[in-house]
Every structure is written in structure tokens, then in C-alpha cells.
């Protein structure tokens, strides 16, 4: 087993505690996967040196690297943990509600759907040794730990998480809600949630993946999600990042789409000191469609980084990318959107847009949309904007009797509503409308009007 540099000694000690403790009974393929991932992390480490590293140019993960986050090998008491999560409910015969506390499945708080042929929504730890699920050929297939320190560290500590599988041709919509909850602790802690979603041919799957934590605790969530969308399948994926104000979150998301498949993603971010949403979508079959949407609201000294990549590796695929940010205080946002059109990927149709509303003269956004096109019969466009509340529109609302604060909040909420209104489950849409409306600053004044 590979050792570790001195600066990662505490991670190595926790890694040994896992593989020699609760992870000792893992199948050989999983033990090998962990060992290889740890070797990669030992060599790669965290991307603290940003010179020449374009992927991390605008985001400093030094604060993560400096803190000795503890990984617990013991299950956490679930009492009172559910109060940290959202209270909305989504009803239906094929709805599963899986809850994880500090990265481990909580049967007491979970409500899986009744067992049905063709549908699996379960804890990874409970099925790792069951050969019927063939996890060896799926885990780590889409999110490689090679060259990515955060993905490597997650894979090295792979012990539990969510597994969602819908078999080929299953009729009817399947909905799964995943709640990853970090609870308060005496020392800064780290969790490594892992999610694997496999939608078989001609299936329809919706997954709501949410992260919650205490408001005033320092902790680190290092999450990896892998999604496979089969021929003719549809996957709607919602990602809610609603962690504490002192939390750190790095999310690595990898999606592979087969022929004539559809993938829709919506990412919503509130809270966290530093958050990274790293999403890559690969069109591995012709006729695919993906729609990637995002909304975030930052304040104080928060830092949000969205790194989105869409790979048009096959012809006749369509992608739409639309992210929106609302920035206040001294917060900072980063958007890096890349669309690659490979040679031979003719008839590719791609649009990407990044729009930001700046509510403070101290806030900053770095936006870098880009197109890399190696085919000649394509339709591609990109654009980015950053601006303040429109003074003329604000004046119009005030002339109708609204005070300055109410008019400003109304315009900010309207800006956000374009993304929220695309959410399909109505209870989730209502919940997002409520929390984003509540998070809008009380004095959303145009920069030109501030003192």
C-alpha cells in the first residue's frame, strides 16, 4: 500500500482506518480501486498550485488543504439530523427517499419505494458484495480518479453512497430523492458521498440530490456523482447545494449519454464558504439532447465555481447551457463553460449562456465561455453578461407605488425565476421559490445608486 506525503498524513491515517476497519470486507475489486485511487491522490494532491492550471485558475483551494478534516469510520447518531434537511414531500408509487448521515446510509430516516422488478434504489454499502448488481463494471467508469485529486480522494474513501438503477424498458416514471446530511461535530469533518445512477434503455428517471449541513460548523463535502443514460432514456437531475455558511463543497459530476437520450440538469446553490460544481457531459451516441441549468446566490465572502463541459463526440446532438448568478457583498463567482465538437460530429447544435446580476460594487464574477469546434456543419453560440438592476425598470415599478426595496427584490426574484420555473416536481419548485426569495438581500440597490 502506498504511503503519503507528510502534509496528507492525517488523510492516510483515516484511509488505513477505513480499509482495515469497516471497509475490510469489501470485494477485491473495490479494495484495488481504493488502493489505486489513494496512490493517485498521493501523487496528485490538491490543486493548490494554480499557475498553469487553467481548471483552477480562479479558485483557491488552499483553505481546504490547510485544515485537517477528520473522517469518521463510525456511524453517526441520526437523532435530530433530519431537521437539517428540507421538509417538502414528493408523492408517488415509485418515489424513494434515501437519507445519508455523514456519508452513511440511515435506514431510520429513509423511505425506499416498495420493491419493484427493474428498479434498485439502495445504499452502495449494502450491495457491494452482491454480484447480481455488477458494480465492478460501473463504479469509477465515468468519473476517473486519474489526474483529479478530489475524485481520487473520494474514490479512496469509497464505502457508502447511493445506487440507482432502472432496468431497460421499465415503464413509468421513477423518482428518487437523495439527502446527504452532515451533522455538527467537535472537529472539522470530511465526508465523501458517492452516487451512481444508471438509467436503462427507454426509461424515465428523476433524481433530486441534496446536500445539507449545520450553519456554523466548518466541514468539507467531497462528492462524486456518476450518471449513465441509456439509449432513448431520459434523466432529470436536480442538485441542491444548501450547506452551512462555513462549509466547503467540491462536487464532481460525470454523465455519459447514449443514442437518442435526454439529460436535464439543474443546479441550485445557497450557502457554503467555497463551492465547486464540476460537471462534464459526454454524448457517446447520436441524437442526444442535454439541458444544463444553474442558479446560485452568493453573499459576504462566498466563492462559487461552476466548471461545465459538454463533449459533442457524436453527430446530431443538441446541448443547451444556461447558468445564472446573483452576487452580493464581497462574494465571487466563477463560470467556465466549454463545448467541444469533435471531428465528425456534424449537425451539432450548442448554445451556452452565463448571466450574472451584481448587487454590490465589491462582488466579482469571472466568466469564461468557450467553444472548441473541429467540425464544419454545426450551429454553436455562447455569451456571458454581468450587470446591475436596470434603473429604468426599477423606476417603472416605483412609479406604480412600490417602494425601492420591494421593487428591487421583485426584479431579482424575476431574474432567478427563469431557472426555478423549469423544475418539474411542483413541491420542489415551490420549495426553491421560497428559499431563494428569502435569501435575496434586503437592500438590492443598483450599484450606481449606492453611496
Protein backbone atom coordinates (compact mmCIF):
# COMPACT_ATOMS: atom_id res chain seq x y z
CA UNK A 1 0.00 0.00 0.00
CA UNK A 2 1.28 3.45 -0.94
CA UNK A 3 2.21 5.78 1.89
CA UNK A 4 1.53 9.52 1.81
CA UNK A 5 3.41 12.82 1.84
CA UNK A 6 3.66 14.34 5.31
CA UNK A 7 1.07 17.03 4.54
CA UNK A 8 -1.52 14.32 3.84
CA UNK A 9 -0.59 12.08 6.78
CA UNK A 10 -3.92 12.59 8.54
CA UNK A 11 -5.81 11.52 5.39
CA UNK A 12 -3.59 8.45 5.14
CA UNK A 13 -4.29 7.53 8.78
CA UNK A 14 -8.04 7.81 8.13
CA UNK A 15 -7.65 5.81 4.94
CA UNK A 16 -5.95 2.99 6.84
CA UNK A 17 -8.69 3.09 9.48
CA UNK A 18 -11.28 2.61 6.76
CA UNK A 19 -9.64 -0.19 4.79
CA UNK A 20 -8.63 -2.07 7.95
CA UNK A 21 -11.95 -1.41 9.70
CA UNK A 22 -15.43 -1.19 8.17
CA UNK A 23 -14.04 -1.41 4.64
CA UNK A 24 -12.06 -4.59 5.23
CA UNK A 25 -14.87 -6.80 3.98
CA UNK A 26 -15.05 -5.15 0.59
CA UNK A 27 -14.65 -7.32 -2.53
CA UNK A 28 -11.16 -7.48 -4.06
CA UNK A 29 -12.05 -5.20 -6.98
CA UNK A 30 -13.14 -2.44 -4.59
CA UNK A 31 -10.04 -2.79 -2.44
CA UNK A 32 -7.91 -2.46 -5.57
CA UNK A 33 -9.92 0.56 -6.71
CA UNK A 34 -9.36 2.26 -3.37
CA UNK A 35 -5.64 1.49 -3.28
CA UNK A 36 -5.13 2.78 -6.83
CA UNK A 37 -7.12 5.91 -6.07
CA UNK A 38 -5.08 6.58 -2.94
CA UNK A 39 -1.86 6.22 -4.96
CA UNK A 40 -3.19 8.78 -7.43
CA UNK A 41 -4.14 11.19 -4.66
CA UNK A 42 -0.71 10.80 -3.05
CA UNK A 43 0.88 11.82 -6.35
CA UNK A 44 -1.65 14.49 -7.37
CA UNK A 45 -2.79 16.01 -4.10
CA UNK A 46 -4.99 19.07 -4.04
CA UNK A 47 -4.61 21.62 -6.86
CA UNK A 48 -3.13 24.33 -4.64
CA UNK A 49 -0.57 25.40 -7.27
CA UNK A 50 -2.73 27.29 -9.76
CA UNK A 51 -0.12 28.69 -12.11
CA UNK A 52 -0.61 26.92 -15.44
CA UNK A 53 -3.63 25.01 -14.11
CA UNK A 54 -6.46 26.58 -16.11
CA UNK A 55 -9.16 24.49 -14.43
CA UNK A 56 -8.35 26.07 -11.05
CA UNK A 57 -7.11 29.48 -12.18
CA UNK A 58 -9.78 31.47 -10.34
CA UNK A 59 -10.40 29.22 -7.34
CA UNK A 60 -8.02 28.80 -4.43
CA UNK A 61 -8.50 25.52 -2.54
CA UNK A 62 -5.72 26.36 -0.10
CA UNK A 63 -8.23 26.75 2.76
CA UNK A 64 -9.33 23.14 2.20
CA UNK A 65 -5.78 21.83 2.08
CA UNK A 66 -4.77 23.65 5.27
CA UNK A 67 -7.44 22.13 7.52
CA UNK A 68 -7.07 18.63 8.96
CA UNK A 69 -10.56 17.33 8.28
CA UNK A 70 -11.43 14.14 10.16
CA UNK A 71 -13.10 11.14 8.54
CA UNK A 72 -15.18 9.05 10.90
CA UNK A 73 -15.44 5.29 10.45
CA UNK A 74 -18.29 5.10 12.95
CA UNK A 75 -21.96 5.64 12.10
CA UNK A 76 -23.41 8.93 13.36
CA UNK A 77 -26.47 9.07 15.57
CA UNK A 78 -29.36 10.08 13.30
CA UNK A 79 -31.45 11.67 16.05
CA UNK A 80 -32.32 15.22 15.10
CA UNK A 81 -30.41 15.03 11.82
CA UNK A 82 -33.46 15.18 9.59
CA UNK A 83 -34.26 18.68 10.85
CA UNK A 84 -31.32 19.95 8.78
CA UNK A 85 -32.91 18.76 5.52
CA UNK A 86 -35.79 20.16 3.50
CA UNK A 87 -39.31 19.28 4.59
CA UNK A 88 -41.05 19.20 1.21
CA UNK A 89 -42.53 15.89 0.04
CA UNK A 90 -42.91 14.33 -3.38
CA UNK A 91 -45.60 11.67 -3.51
CA UNK A 92 -45.91 8.72 -5.88
CA UNK A 93 -45.77 4.93 -6.10
CA UNK A 94 -42.20 4.87 -7.42
CA UNK A 95 -40.67 7.51 -5.14
CA UNK A 96 -37.72 6.60 -2.92
CA UNK A 97 -36.32 8.82 -0.21
CA UNK A 98 -32.77 7.85 0.77
CA UNK A 99 -31.01 9.72 3.59
CA UNK A 100 -27.29 9.62 4.38
CA UNK A 101 -25.81 10.99 7.62
CA UNK A 102 -22.12 11.91 7.45
CA UNK A 103 -21.84 9.85 4.27
CA UNK A 104 -23.55 6.70 5.59
CA UNK A 105 -26.98 5.37 4.81
CA UNK A 106 -29.59 5.91 7.52
CA UNK A 107 -32.33 3.25 7.36
CA UNK A 108 -34.18 5.01 10.19
CA UNK A 109 -34.64 8.19 8.17
CA UNK A 110 -35.02 6.65 4.70
CA UNK A 111 -38.19 5.58 2.91
CA UNK A 112 -37.35 3.38 -0.08
CA UNK A 113 -40.13 2.62 -2.54
CA UNK A 114 -41.67 -0.85 -2.45
CA UNK A 115 -39.52 -3.46 -4.19
CA UNK A 116 -40.28 -3.49 -7.92
CA UNK A 117 -38.75 -5.52 -10.72
CA UNK A 118 -36.29 -3.43 -12.66
CA UNK A 119 -35.78 -0.70 -10.04
CA UNK A 120 -33.00 -0.54 -7.46
CA UNK A 121 -32.58 2.42 -5.10
CA UNK A 122 -30.26 1.37 -2.32
CA UNK A 123 -27.14 2.01 -0.29
CA UNK A 124 -23.91 1.10 -2.08
CA UNK A 125 -22.51 -0.45 1.09
CA UNK A 126 -25.39 -2.92 1.22
CA UNK A 127 -24.82 -4.30 -2.29
CA UNK A 128 -21.07 -4.07 -2.92
CA UNK A 129 -20.66 -7.81 -2.33
CA UNK A 130 -23.75 -8.77 -4.36
CA UNK A 131 -22.52 -9.89 -7.79
CA UNK A 132 -26.05 -9.52 -9.23
CA UNK A 133 -25.53 -5.74 -9.46
CA UNK A 134 -22.18 -5.90 -11.31
CA UNK A 135 -20.88 -2.76 -9.61
CA UNK A 136 -17.33 -3.56 -10.63
CA UNK A 137 -18.07 -2.57 -14.24
CA UNK A 138 -19.86 0.65 -13.23
CA UNK A 139 -18.23 2.33 -10.22
CA UNK A 140 -15.44 4.63 -11.39
CA UNK A 141 -16.25 4.07 -15.05
CA UNK A 142 -17.32 7.65 -15.72
CA UNK A 143 -15.53 9.65 -13.00
CA UNK A 144 -11.90 8.67 -13.28
CA UNK A 145 -9.63 9.49 -10.34
CA UNK A 146 -6.70 9.90 -12.70
CA UNK A 147 -5.34 13.45 -12.51
CA UNK A 148 -8.14 14.73 -10.27
CA UNK A 149 -7.14 14.94 -6.63
CA UNK A 150 -10.67 15.39 -5.31
CA UNK A 151 -12.14 12.49 -7.33
CA UNK A 152 -9.18 10.33 -6.31
CA UNK A 153 -9.69 11.12 -2.62
CA UNK A 154 -13.41 10.34 -2.87
CA UNK A 155 -12.69 7.01 -4.56
CA UNK A 156 -10.04 6.10 -2.00
CA UNK A 157 -12.64 6.56 0.76
CA UNK A 158 -15.45 4.87 -1.18
CA UNK A 159 -17.52 2.96 1.34
CA UNK A 160 -21.15 4.02 1.00
CA UNK A 161 -23.43 6.15 -1.11
CA UNK A 162 -26.47 5.82 -3.34
CA UNK A 163 -27.04 3.35 -6.15
CA UNK A 164 -29.97 3.93 -8.50
CA UNK A 165 -30.58 1.51 -11.34
CA UNK A 166 -33.61 1.32 -13.61
CA UNK A 167 -33.64 -1.65 -15.97
CA UNK A 168 -34.13 -1.47 -19.72
CA UNK A 169 -37.64 -0.67 -20.84
CA UNK A 170 -39.13 -0.05 -17.41
CA UNK A 171 -42.42 1.78 -17.92
CA UNK A 172 -43.44 4.68 -15.73
CA UNK A 173 -41.51 7.48 -14.10
CA UNK A 174 -39.07 6.73 -11.27
CA UNK A 175 -38.19 9.46 -8.76
CA UNK A 176 -35.50 9.25 -6.08
CA UNK A 177 -34.64 11.90 -3.53
CA UNK A 178 -31.17 11.71 -2.01
CA UNK A 179 -30.35 13.72 1.10
CA UNK A 180 -26.70 13.90 2.16
CA UNK A 181 -26.61 15.47 5.62
CA UNK A 182 -23.54 16.49 7.59
CA UNK A 183 -24.17 16.92 11.32
CA UNK A 184 -22.35 19.10 13.80
CA UNK A 185 -19.15 17.77 15.34
CA UNK A 186 -16.41 18.78 17.76
CA UNK A 187 -13.78 18.87 14.99
CA UNK A 188 -13.90 19.74 11.27
CA UNK A 189 -15.04 16.65 9.39
CA UNK A 190 -14.97 15.42 5.82
CA UNK A 191 -17.46 13.18 4.02
CA UNK A 192 -17.11 11.56 0.61
CA UNK A 193 -20.62 10.95 -0.78
CA UNK A 194 -20.80 8.74 -3.84
CA UNK A 195 -23.77 8.48 -6.18
CA UNK A 196 -24.17 6.13 -9.13
CA UNK A 197 -27.22 6.48 -11.41
CA UNK A 198 -27.82 4.03 -14.25
CA UNK A 199 -30.88 4.57 -16.46
CA UNK A 200 -31.51 1.68 -18.83
CA UNK A 201 -32.87 1.94 -22.36
CA UNK A 202 -36.14 3.87 -22.78
CA UNK A 203 -36.54 4.69 -19.08
CA UNK A 204 -37.58 7.90 -17.32
CA UNK A 205 -35.72 8.75 -14.10
CA UNK A 206 -35.73 11.85 -11.88
CA UNK A 207 -33.15 12.25 -9.10
CA UNK A 208 -33.04 15.10 -6.57
CA UNK A 209 -29.59 15.10 -4.96
CA UNK A 210 -29.34 17.46 -1.99
CA UNK A 211 -26.63 18.44 0.48
CA UNK A 212 -27.31 19.96 3.90
CA UNK A 213 -25.31 20.82 6.99
CA UNK A 214 -25.15 22.95 10.15
CA UNK A 215 -24.93 26.70 9.66
CA UNK A 216 -21.87 27.48 11.78
CA UNK A 217 -19.71 24.36 11.51
CA UNK A 218 -16.57 24.02 9.42
CA UNK A 219 -16.72 20.84 7.31
CA UNK A 220 -15.84 19.55 3.86
CA UNK A 221 -18.08 17.61 1.47
CA UNK A 222 -16.18 15.90 -1.35
CA UNK A 223 -18.85 14.37 -3.58
CA UNK A 224 -18.73 12.34 -6.79
CA UNK A 225 -21.77 11.52 -8.94
CA UNK A 226 -21.72 9.25 -11.99
CA UNK A 227 -24.68 9.06 -14.37
CA UNK A 228 -25.25 6.72 -17.31
CA UNK A 229 -28.17 7.49 -19.63
CA UNK A 230 -29.06 4.57 -21.90
CA UNK A 231 -30.46 4.59 -25.44
CA UNK A 232 -33.70 6.57 -25.56
CA UNK A 233 -33.66 7.17 -21.80
CA UNK A 234 -34.44 10.39 -20.00
CA UNK A 235 -32.79 11.53 -16.76
CA UNK A 236 -33.74 14.72 -14.91
CA UNK A 237 -31.13 15.51 -12.27
CA UNK A 238 -31.54 18.24 -9.65
CA UNK A 239 -28.61 19.18 -7.44
CA UNK A 240 -29.27 21.29 -4.35
CA UNK A 241 -26.26 22.65 -2.51
CA UNK A 242 -27.70 24.08 0.72
CA UNK A 243 -24.85 23.61 3.16
CA UNK A 244 -23.63 25.74 6.04
CA UNK A 245 -22.01 29.13 5.64
CA UNK A 246 -18.60 27.83 6.77
CA UNK A 247 -18.69 24.64 4.70
CA UNK A 248 -16.52 23.65 1.77
CA UNK A 249 -18.00 21.61 -1.07
CA UNK A 250 -16.40 20.09 -4.17
CA UNK A 251 -18.78 18.19 -6.43
CA UNK A 252 -17.52 16.12 -9.35
CA UNK A 253 -20.29 15.05 -11.76
CA UNK A 254 -19.77 12.91 -14.84
CA UNK A 255 -22.52 12.00 -17.31
CA UNK A 256 -22.47 9.69 -20.34
CA UNK A 257 -25.34 9.74 -22.82
CA UNK A 258 -26.14 7.03 -25.34
CA UNK A 259 -28.14 7.24 -28.58
CA UNK A 260 -31.29 9.41 -28.57
CA UNK A 261 -31.05 10.01 -24.82
CA UNK A 262 -32.05 13.11 -22.89
CA UNK A 263 -30.37 14.56 -19.82
CA UNK A 264 -31.58 17.60 -17.93
CA UNK A 265 -29.62 19.09 -15.04
CA UNK A 266 -30.50 21.94 -12.68
CA UNK A 267 -28.04 23.05 -10.02
CA UNK A 268 -29.07 25.34 -7.15
CA UNK A 269 -26.55 26.79 -4.69
CA UNK A 270 -27.03 28.75 -1.48
CA UNK A 271 -24.58 28.95 1.39
CA UNK A 272 -21.06 27.46 1.68
CA UNK A 273 -17.83 29.37 2.04
CA UNK A 274 -16.41 27.75 -1.08
CA UNK A 275 -18.25 25.57 -3.58
CA UNK A 276 -17.18 23.90 -6.80
CA UNK A 277 -19.59 22.33 -9.30
CA UNK A 278 -17.55 20.34 -11.83
CA UNK A 279 -19.90 18.85 -14.44
CA UNK A 280 -18.93 17.02 -17.63
CA UNK A 281 -21.40 15.56 -20.13
CA UNK A 282 -20.32 13.21 -22.93
CA UNK A 283 -22.50 12.47 -25.96
CA UNK A 284 -21.47 8.88 -26.66
CA UNK A 285 -24.33 8.22 -29.11
CA UNK A 286 -26.07 10.14 -31.87
CA UNK A 287 -29.26 12.15 -31.43
CA UNK A 288 -28.70 13.07 -27.79
CA UNK A 289 -30.04 16.15 -26.01
CA UNK A 290 -28.93 17.81 -22.80
CA UNK A 291 -30.10 20.90 -20.95
CA UNK A 292 -27.86 22.17 -18.15
CA UNK A 293 -29.21 24.93 -15.92
CA UNK A 294 -27.87 26.56 -12.80
CA UNK A 295 -28.77 29.23 -10.27
CA UNK A 296 -26.70 30.49 -7.35
CA UNK A 297 -26.89 33.35 -4.89
CA UNK A 298 -23.79 34.48 -3.05
CA UNK A 299 -23.17 36.96 -0.22
CA UNK A 300 -20.45 38.04 2.21
CA UNK A 301 -17.16 36.38 1.14
CA UNK A 302 -18.60 33.30 -0.53
CA UNK A 303 -16.91 31.78 -3.55
CA UNK A 304 -18.84 29.71 -6.12
CA UNK A 305 -17.14 27.99 -9.06
CA UNK A 306 -19.11 26.32 -11.88
CA UNK A 307 -16.96 24.39 -14.34
CA UNK A 308 -19.16 22.91 -17.07
CA UNK A 309 -18.03 20.86 -20.08
CA UNK A 310 -20.12 19.33 -22.87
CA UNK A 311 -18.42 16.93 -25.27
CA UNK A 312 -20.18 16.54 -28.64
CA UNK A 313 -18.34 13.36 -29.56
CA UNK A 314 -21.13 12.12 -31.86
CA UNK A 315 -23.16 13.85 -34.60
CA UNK A 316 -26.72 15.19 -34.42
CA UNK A 317 -26.64 16.11 -30.73
CA UNK A 318 -28.10 19.22 -29.12
CA UNK A 319 -27.00 20.96 -25.92
CA UNK A 320 -28.30 23.96 -24.02
CA UNK A 321 -26.40 25.55 -21.15
CA UNK A 322 -27.92 28.35 -19.07
CA UNK A 323 -26.45 29.48 -15.73
CA UNK A 324 -27.44 32.50 -13.66
CA UNK A 325 -25.77 34.08 -10.65
CA UNK A 326 -26.83 36.70 -8.12
CA UNK A 327 -23.88 38.22 -6.25
CA UNK A 328 -23.87 40.42 -3.17
CA UNK A 329 -21.33 41.53 -0.57
CA UNK A 330 -17.71 40.71 -1.38
CA UNK A 331 -18.56 37.37 -2.93
CA UNK A 332 -17.01 35.95 -6.06
CA UNK A 333 -18.32 33.65 -8.77
CA UNK A 334 -16.52 31.74 -11.49
CA UNK A 335 -18.06 30.27 -14.61
CA UNK A 336 -16.11 28.15 -17.03
CA UNK A 337 -18.26 26.69 -19.81
CA UNK A 338 -16.66 24.64 -22.58
CA UNK A 339 -18.36 22.98 -25.54
CA UNK A 340 -16.20 20.65 -27.61
CA UNK A 341 -17.37 19.49 -31.05
CA UNK A 342 -15.26 16.56 -32.15
CA UNK A 343 -14.22 15.80 -35.74
CA UNK A 344 -17.11 14.11 -37.49
CA UNK A 345 -19.71 15.38 -35.02
CA UNK A 346 -21.67 17.13 -37.75
CA UNK A 347 -25.09 18.73 -37.14
CA UNK A 348 -24.10 19.58 -33.58
CA UNK A 349 -26.26 22.31 -32.07
CA UNK A 350 -24.93 24.02 -28.93
CA UNK A 351 -25.86 27.16 -27.03
CA UNK A 352 -24.38 28.36 -23.76
CA UNK A 353 -25.25 31.41 -21.70
CA UNK A 354 -23.97 32.78 -18.41
CA UNK A 355 -25.80 35.74 -16.87
CA UNK A 356 -24.93 37.46 -13.62
CA UNK A 357 -26.71 40.10 -11.56
CA UNK A 358 -24.32 42.14 -9.42
CA UNK A 359 -25.87 43.67 -6.29
CA UNK A 360 -22.70 45.06 -4.71
CA UNK A 361 -19.79 47.11 -6.02
CA UNK A 362 -17.47 44.73 -4.17
CA UNK A 363 -18.74 41.49 -5.79
CA UNK A 364 -16.84 39.94 -8.68
CA UNK A 365 -17.56 37.40 -11.40
CA UNK A 366 -15.10 35.70 -13.77
CA UNK A 367 -16.90 34.23 -16.78
CA UNK A 368 -15.18 32.27 -19.49
CA UNK A 369 -17.48 30.54 -22.01
CA UNK A 370 -15.64 28.84 -24.87
CA UNK A 371 -16.21 26.75 -27.98
CA UNK A 372 -13.77 24.24 -29.43
CA UNK A 373 -15.12 23.23 -32.84
CA UNK A 374 -13.50 20.61 -35.09
CA UNK A 375 -16.40 20.04 -37.49
CA UNK A 376 -17.79 22.31 -40.22
CA UNK A 377 -21.54 21.67 -40.25
CA UNK A 378 -22.54 22.90 -36.80
CA UNK A 379 -24.60 25.59 -35.07
CA UNK A 380 -22.92 26.88 -31.93
CA UNK A 381 -23.09 30.06 -29.88
CA UNK A 382 -22.06 31.36 -26.47
CA UNK A 383 -22.43 34.51 -24.44
CA UNK A 384 -21.90 35.99 -20.99
CA UNK A 385 -23.26 39.08 -19.27
CA UNK A 386 -22.82 40.78 -15.92
CA UNK A 387 -24.76 43.83 -14.84
CA UNK A 388 -26.83 45.63 -12.24
CA UNK A 389 -30.56 46.05 -11.70
CA UNK A 390 -31.94 48.03 -14.60
CA UNK A 391 -32.67 51.56 -13.39
CA UNK A 392 -35.46 52.18 -15.94
CA UNK A 393 -37.32 49.03 -14.95
CA UNK A 394 -36.86 49.87 -11.30
CA UNK A 395 -38.23 53.36 -11.92
CA UNK A 396 -41.26 51.89 -13.69
CA UNK A 397 -42.09 49.65 -10.72
CA UNK A 398 -41.63 52.51 -8.25
CA UNK A 399 -43.93 54.70 -10.36
CA UNK A 400 -46.59 52.05 -9.76
CA UNK A 401 -46.38 52.55 -6.00
CA UNK A 402 -43.73 50.02 -4.94
CA UNK A 403 -41.01 51.08 -2.54
CA UNK A 404 -37.38 50.73 -3.56
CA UNK A 405 -36.66 47.58 -1.59
CA UNK A 406 -39.81 45.74 -2.75
CA UNK A 407 -39.23 46.70 -6.38
CA UNK A 408 -35.59 45.58 -6.23
CA UNK A 409 -36.46 42.24 -4.66
CA UNK A 410 -39.14 41.67 -7.27
CA UNK A 411 -36.67 42.20 -10.10
CA UNK A 412 -34.05 39.94 -8.52
CA UNK A 413 -36.61 37.19 -7.98
CA UNK A 414 -37.80 37.52 -11.59
CA UNK A 415 -34.20 37.09 -12.73
CA UNK A 416 -33.95 33.84 -10.76
CA UNK A 417 -37.39 32.54 -11.73
CA UNK A 418 -36.35 31.57 -15.26
CA UNK A 419 -34.27 28.73 -13.82
CA UNK A 420 -36.60 27.79 -10.97
CA UNK A 421 -39.68 27.55 -13.20
CA UNK A 422 -38.01 24.78 -15.23
CA UNK A 423 -38.15 22.46 -12.21
CA UNK A 424 -40.74 19.75 -12.88
CA UNK A 425 -41.72 18.33 -9.46
CA UNK A 426 -44.08 21.01 -8.18
CA UNK A 427 -43.23 20.58 -4.46
CA UNK A 428 -39.55 21.04 -5.25
CA UNK A 429 -40.26 24.08 -7.42
CA UNK A 430 -42.29 25.70 -4.64
CA UNK A 431 -39.58 24.96 -2.10
CA UNK A 432 -36.87 26.53 -4.27
CA UNK A 433 -39.00 29.58 -4.92
CA UNK A 434 -39.41 30.04 -1.17
CA UNK A 435 -35.79 29.67 -0.13
CA UNK A 436 -34.38 31.81 -2.93
CA UNK A 437 -36.92 34.54 -2.29
CA UNK A 438 -35.93 34.52 1.39
CA UNK A 439 -32.22 34.69 0.50
CA UNK A 440 -32.46 37.83 -1.63
CA UNK A 441 -30.73 40.69 0.24
CA UNK A 442 -33.00 43.25 1.86
CA UNK A 443 -31.43 46.16 0.00
CA UNK A 444 -30.90 45.10 -3.61
CA UNK A 445 -29.89 48.50 -4.95
CA UNK A 446 -28.26 49.18 -8.31
CA UNK A 447 -24.56 49.86 -7.97
CA UNK A 448 -24.91 53.34 -9.43
CA UNK A 449 -27.31 54.24 -6.62
CA UNK A 450 -25.17 53.08 -3.71
CA UNK A 451 -23.16 55.50 -1.63
